[in-house]
Each structure stands twice: as C-alpha cells, then as structure tokens.
Amino acid sequence: MVPNPAVWQIPTGVRDVLPKEAQRRRCLEESLCGLFASWGYREIIPPSLEYYEQLKSSSAEEQLYKLIDPSGRILALRPDLTTPIARMVATHLSNDPLPIRLYYFGNAFRYEVTQAGRQREFHQAGVELIGAAGTGADAEAIALAVEAITLAGVADFQVGIGQVALTHGLLENAGVPQHLVKEFKWLMARKDYVALENRMSQLGLPRERTQEILEILSLRGGLEVLLEARALVRTPAMLRAIEDLEAVYQALEALGLAKAVFFDFSILRDLDYYTGIVFEGYAAGLGYPICGGGRYDRLLGKFGLDVPAVGFALGVDRLMQVLPSMDEEKIDVLIIGGSLPERLVEANRLRQQGLAVEVDILELSREEAMRYMTGKQIGQLIELGEVGEDA
C-alpha cells in the first residue's frame, strides 16, 4: 500500500529545502564567506542548544523552544546566534586581542505567529564585531551589511538606521517609569502610535513630551533628519546619540555608501539587548527586512566579559526571495557499459578534469540511459564496452 503523502507533514513554521534552493543558498554562502574573510572576520559555529537561563534574558519567554534533558536541566533552541556567540567569546576567546571579528551561518528558532517572511526556523548569515566601541565600529558593521546585500545580487535596497539610546532618552525625559519602558518600546517598534499616545495620556505624562516622541518617531530621510532631531533632543546623552549618527553617516559617505542608507528613529529591533545604533535592510517589493543588527554593549557582560559589540544578521531565506533565479547545476556526463570498476575509473578521470559525472549503478540499457539523461538533463553519454556487462 502506497502511503498517503498528506500524512507526511512537517511542523508549522519550518520548511523543506530542496536541491535547487540548497544549491542557491550554498553559492550565496560561499560568496559571503569570501567577503567576510576579506574584511578580517573569522568563522565561528555556535551550538543549536543552550541552557535556558542563558537565553531567556535576550528573547521573549514565549518565543523560546524549551526542552528538558535527562539530568533535569532546562535547555532551549537558540532564538538568535548572537547570544551563543557572546557566550563562546567570553568562554573561549576572552584573551584574544580586541577587537574580535567573527562571522557565522546557521539556523535560529523562535515560536511565533507564522506569516509571509516569518518562520519558526530560519537561516541566518551574520557578523559580530566584539570589543570595539564608537562610531568606527558602527560604520564598519553597516558598511559590511551594505556590501553583503550588494554582493548577494539585490538590485534595489536601502538600509534604515535608528538609535535605541535616543529612544530610551526620550522615554526617560518624558517620565515613563523604568518598568514600563519595554511596553512602550513594543508599541513604538510596531508603530502603534495611537496606542502609544493613549498610554502616555493614561499615565498623565506631559503632552508636549508625548508630541516630541511622536515627532521624532515620524522622522525619516537623509542627513537633514538629524538636523531636525537635534532641535527636539533635551539631554546631552541624546545629543551625543545624534552626533554619533552624523559621524557614522560621514564614514559611509566617504565609502560612497551614503546613498544606500536613511535614518528612521522608529527602528528599534525586536531583541532586548540592543543599546545604541540599530539598522535594518529593506529590499524593494518585500514587506519585511532582509537584514537587521545594531550595537549591544551589555550582552557579553552577562557572561563575564564586559566589552562592547556590534553586529548584524542577514535573513538568508528572505534574501533569496529577491535574488535573481539561477539554473540548477547540471551533470555533464553519464557513464554506462563496461564493468563497474571500469566505469568508476573513467568517472574519476573525468572528475579530475572538472566534470560532474554520474556512474550507472543500475546496469541500464542504452535506451534506458537515454531516457534517464533526458529526465536529468545530462549533457553527454559515455558507453564503455558492452552495455549491461557484469563486473
């Protein structure tokens, strides 16, 4: 009895990656490996499982996939790769000269509502620049993100830049209690400004502070946006945040990349560890970011290494949705006939010449081999001795 295909299902939020897509992903990753290495980054491979206690502070509790090992310890699948890498650096690389430049590829897991562009298992490529504070490191991270998206082949994209420190300053200056900051950031990140205004009114916060927040969150554009923001900031820390963004812009301008970025103070990112500059990459025609990152100066301190850091991740699955299609790699030669050892020897000789070769292991007739070649679009048939002859 043939099984019903409908029975063989996979969990919601994950998907099968078939050969053609797997090939495209591998080609993309190989290109990115070369780019990241050329900027001085080294590859690192974090584990998929971590202890729950080490992950719970950097991701929403309800998003974590948890399990209990036989010893009774609670584990969790990594919701991102930055937190495990922070632990690895603090544990294994703490004596390395700073800054430490690392890159990675891997899957992350978050339990959330599935929709277009948002799955529960997703593949990422990214970099972490650890041990460097200041605008030079911020500019490097953004510049490398722009270069990576360009190298991938995305023809039309922009990188939006925000500043979490400015957002925190606005909320503090408006009198938002510390224990409510996360709630307000959640509303701001989702651009639910009506709910934000209503919530501030409920708390009796000054209306003029509310209007300043809403005005800054609405700013979006080039260098002129920073000039407008300057007129609305109220503290030296907020002013320094604006000045840092100006310095980053100047560095990107010197690299010829300023045209690829814009400022948007409503960008906050959805992980709690960001402390400064944040950014997201958007491709034309796609309703969600293909890239995201920022500064996270306090994350490594949780693992005993108190150093600043900045980085970004590319959503590989999302990125591939906007890349031009490519032909699947073809097999050059099918070898039939002769004995099996003869076929294997001939195949090895041709592979050393750079050809992709399949060996007949089913003892096909010439007619069967021709049909097989048509189905797999194999370019050439090589027939050794008598077709079907035993070894």
Foldseek 3Di string as FASTA:
>chain_A
DDDDPVVDDDDFQDDDQDQQNVVLLVVLVVLLVVLLVVVPAAEDDFDQKDFPVQAPQWAPPQFWDWDADPVGTIMTGAQDVPSRVLLCCLVPVLPPDPFHKYKYKDWHATDDDDDVPGGRIFIKIKMKGWFDDALVQVLVQVVSVVVSLVSSAQDAKAKEKAWVQLVVQLCVVQPPDPVCSVVLLVCLLVVVLVVNLVVSVVVVTDPVSSVLSVVLQPQKFAPVNLVVNCVSDDDPSNVVLSVSVVVSLVVCVVVVNNVRYMYGHSNDDNTDQAHTMKMFMDGPPDDDTQKIWHKRQCSSVVSPRRGIMIMMMGRSVVSVVNHDRDDRDAAAEEEFEDEPVVQVVVCVVVVVVVGHYHYDPPLDDPVRVVVVCVVRVHHYYHYDHGRSDYD
